[in-house]
Protein backbone atom coordinates (compact mmCIF):
# COMPACT_ATOMS: atom_id res chain seq x y z
CA UNK A 1 34.68 89.82 -44.03
CA UNK A 2 31.65 87.84 -45.26
CA UNK A 3 30.51 84.86 -43.19
CA UNK A 4 29.19 82.14 -45.23
CA UNK A 5 26.01 80.57 -43.96
CA UNK A 6 26.15 77.40 -42.12
CA UNK A 7 25.41 74.23 -44.20
CA UNK A 8 22.23 72.67 -42.78
CA UNK A 9 22.63 69.34 -41.10
CA UNK A 10 20.01 66.57 -40.35
CA UNK A 11 19.61 65.12 -36.89
CA UNK A 12 17.88 61.89 -36.52
CA UNK A 13 16.33 60.64 -33.26
CA UNK A 14 17.22 57.25 -34.32
CA UNK A 15 15.71 54.83 -31.67
CA UNK A 16 12.84 53.24 -33.45
CA UNK A 17 13.16 55.65 -36.44
CA UNK A 18 11.88 53.88 -39.60
CA UNK A 19 13.24 56.35 -42.22
CA UNK A 20 17.04 56.39 -41.61
CA UNK A 21 17.74 55.08 -45.20
CA UNK A 22 15.47 57.73 -46.64
CA UNK A 23 17.24 60.49 -44.70
CA UNK A 24 20.55 59.29 -46.04
CA UNK A 25 19.18 59.39 -49.70
CA UNK A 26 18.14 63.00 -49.47
CA UNK A 27 21.23 64.02 -47.46
CA UNK A 28 23.42 62.48 -50.25
CA UNK A 29 21.48 64.23 -53.03
CA UNK A 30 22.25 67.59 -51.27
CA UNK A 31 25.64 66.75 -49.71
CA UNK A 32 24.22 67.30 -46.11
CA UNK A 33 25.82 65.91 -42.93
CA UNK A 34 23.60 63.58 -40.83
CA UNK A 35 23.89 62.77 -37.12
CA UNK A 36 22.23 59.43 -36.25
CA UNK A 37 21.68 59.71 -32.41
CA UNK A 38 20.64 56.71 -30.20
CA UNK A 39 21.11 55.10 -26.87
CA UNK A 40 23.02 52.19 -28.60
CA UNK A 41 22.23 49.13 -30.66
CA UNK A 42 22.82 50.91 -33.89
CA UNK A 43 25.37 49.74 -36.40
CA UNK A 44 27.64 52.65 -37.21
CA UNK A 45 27.51 53.83 -40.86
CA UNK A 46 30.56 54.02 -42.79
CA UNK A 47 28.98 56.78 -45.08
CA UNK A 48 31.24 59.84 -45.07
CA UNK A 49 28.11 62.14 -44.43
CA UNK A 50 26.95 60.14 -41.36
CA UNK A 51 28.16 60.46 -37.81
CA UNK A 52 26.63 57.90 -35.57
CA UNK A 53 26.41 59.30 -31.92
CA UNK A 54 25.83 56.98 -29.07
CA UNK A 55 24.69 58.62 -25.91
CA UNK A 56 24.49 57.39 -22.42
CA UNK A 57 21.48 55.31 -21.38
CA UNK A 58 18.63 57.47 -20.09
CA UNK A 59 15.22 58.45 -21.21
CA UNK A 60 16.10 61.77 -22.69
CA UNK A 61 19.87 61.48 -23.37
CA UNK A 62 19.49 61.46 -27.26
CA UNK A 63 16.98 64.21 -27.03
CA UNK A 64 19.30 66.35 -24.94
CA UNK A 65 22.22 65.69 -27.28
CA UNK A 66 20.26 66.84 -30.31
CA UNK A 67 18.52 69.79 -28.56
CA UNK A 68 21.89 71.13 -27.43
CA UNK A 69 23.37 71.20 -30.83
CA UNK A 70 20.65 71.76 -33.36
CA UNK A 71 20.43 75.26 -34.89
CA UNK A 72 18.07 77.29 -36.99
CA UNK A 73 19.58 75.92 -40.27
CA UNK A 74 19.08 72.42 -39.26
CA UNK A 75 16.41 69.67 -39.67
CA UNK A 76 15.39 67.10 -37.00
CA UNK A 77 13.61 63.84 -37.78
CA UNK A 78 11.82 62.69 -34.72
CA UNK A 79 8.42 61.27 -33.40
CA UNK A 80 9.23 62.61 -30.00
CA UNK A 81 6.77 65.56 -29.46
CA UNK A 82 8.82 67.20 -26.54
CA UNK A 83 12.03 67.03 -28.73
CA UNK A 84 10.19 68.52 -31.64
CA UNK A 85 9.24 71.39 -29.32
CA UNK A 86 12.78 71.88 -28.20
CA UNK A 87 14.16 71.96 -31.70
CA UNK A 88 11.50 74.41 -32.85
CA UNK A 89 12.60 76.73 -30.08
CA UNK A 90 15.91 76.83 -31.72
CA UNK A 91 14.35 77.73 -35.08
CA UNK A 92 15.06 74.22 -36.74
CA UNK A 93 12.74 72.49 -39.07
CA UNK A 94 11.16 69.26 -37.55
CA UNK A 95 9.64 66.38 -39.35
CA UNK A 96 7.91 63.21 -38.02
CA UNK A 97 8.78 59.98 -39.74
CA UNK A 98 5.53 59.84 -41.37
CA UNK A 99 6.32 63.17 -43.24
CA UNK A 100 4.15 65.41 -41.13
CA UNK A 101 5.92 68.57 -39.99
CA UNK A 102 5.88 69.77 -36.45
CA UNK A 103 5.44 73.64 -36.62
CA UNK A 104 5.15 76.54 -34.16
CA UNK A 105 1.42 76.46 -35.04
CA UNK A 106 0.98 72.76 -34.34
CA UNK A 107 3.27 71.92 -31.53
CA UNK A 108 1.03 73.17 -28.67
CA UNK A 109 -1.85 71.02 -29.76
CA UNK A 110 0.51 68.09 -30.22
CA UNK A 111 1.93 68.50 -26.70
CA UNK A 112 -1.60 68.86 -25.39
CA UNK A 113 -2.77 65.59 -27.14
CA UNK A 114 0.32 63.78 -26.00
CA UNK A 115 -0.41 64.64 -22.40
CA UNK A 116 -4.02 63.78 -22.78
CA UNK A 117 -3.30 60.35 -24.30
CA UNK A 118 -0.72 59.73 -21.61
CA UNK A 119 -3.36 60.51 -18.91
CA UNK A 120 -5.91 58.32 -20.47
CA UNK A 121 -3.45 55.41 -20.72
CA UNK A 122 -2.54 55.82 -17.16
CA UNK A 123 -6.18 56.07 -15.83
CA UNK A 124 -8.35 54.01 -18.10
CA UNK A 125 -8.37 51.19 -20.48
CA UNK A 126 -7.18 53.28 -23.45
CA UNK A 127 -4.31 51.24 -25.02
CA UNK A 128 -2.21 51.34 -28.10
CA UNK A 129 -0.03 53.69 -29.91
CA UNK A 130 0.25 55.12 -33.44
CA UNK A 131 -1.00 53.13 -36.47
CA UNK A 132 1.58 50.94 -38.09
CA UNK A 133 4.12 52.59 -40.46
CA UNK A 134 3.01 52.34 -44.18
CA UNK A 135 4.41 52.71 -47.54
CA UNK A 136 2.39 55.96 -47.87
CA UNK A 137 4.02 57.24 -44.83
CA UNK A 138 7.47 56.45 -46.27
CA UNK A 139 6.68 58.21 -49.42
CA UNK A 140 5.13 61.19 -47.74
CA UNK A 141 8.39 61.38 -45.63
CA UNK A 142 10.52 61.41 -48.55
CA UNK A 143 8.57 64.18 -50.35
CA UNK A 144 8.32 66.17 -47.14
CA UNK A 145 12.09 65.92 -46.39
CA UNK A 146 13.03 66.97 -49.85
CA UNK A 147 10.85 69.98 -49.67
CA UNK A 148 12.23 70.97 -46.21
CA UNK A 149 15.87 70.55 -47.32
CA UNK A 150 15.22 72.60 -50.46
CA UNK A 151 13.53 75.30 -48.41
CA UNK A 152 16.34 75.38 -45.77
CA UNK A 153 19.06 75.48 -48.46
CA UNK A 154 17.20 78.32 -50.31
CA UNK A 155 16.79 80.47 -47.10
CA UNK A 156 20.51 79.65 -46.16
CA UNK A 157 21.56 80.87 -49.62
CA UNK A 158 23.44 77.62 -50.14
CA UNK A 159 21.55 76.70 -53.37
CA UNK A 160 20.69 73.01 -53.94
């Protein structure tokens, strides 16, 4: 008996994610299921490819839900570096909303920089966060997600 490869799915860490519509566009093009995961406040989608998941309140509840289910054929969209690390441990592909991938090679430095910046914010006058989301970020994300989806489909033998 031949086991067919699992169809990739896209998991979106949806709280404060600016590219949910872009994810849906790419998912539609390839017929991929999408999980929009949040702590609430999200309008459920009626789109047949989308499952809206509302988790309990808590700082890592959405992250835990995603990390417990994501697999090596899947893609996660998140700006959360610890979640990105957890997804990479499962072999998943991970993209930031600005289109930059988290990889096995880059995650260690990203975690270290996150820790350093958190320490500086707690102990000094360093303030602020990431730069504002731009049109270029949105375009880069669309290109990157399309490339990742095609790569995952190719390696899963699912075609495109």
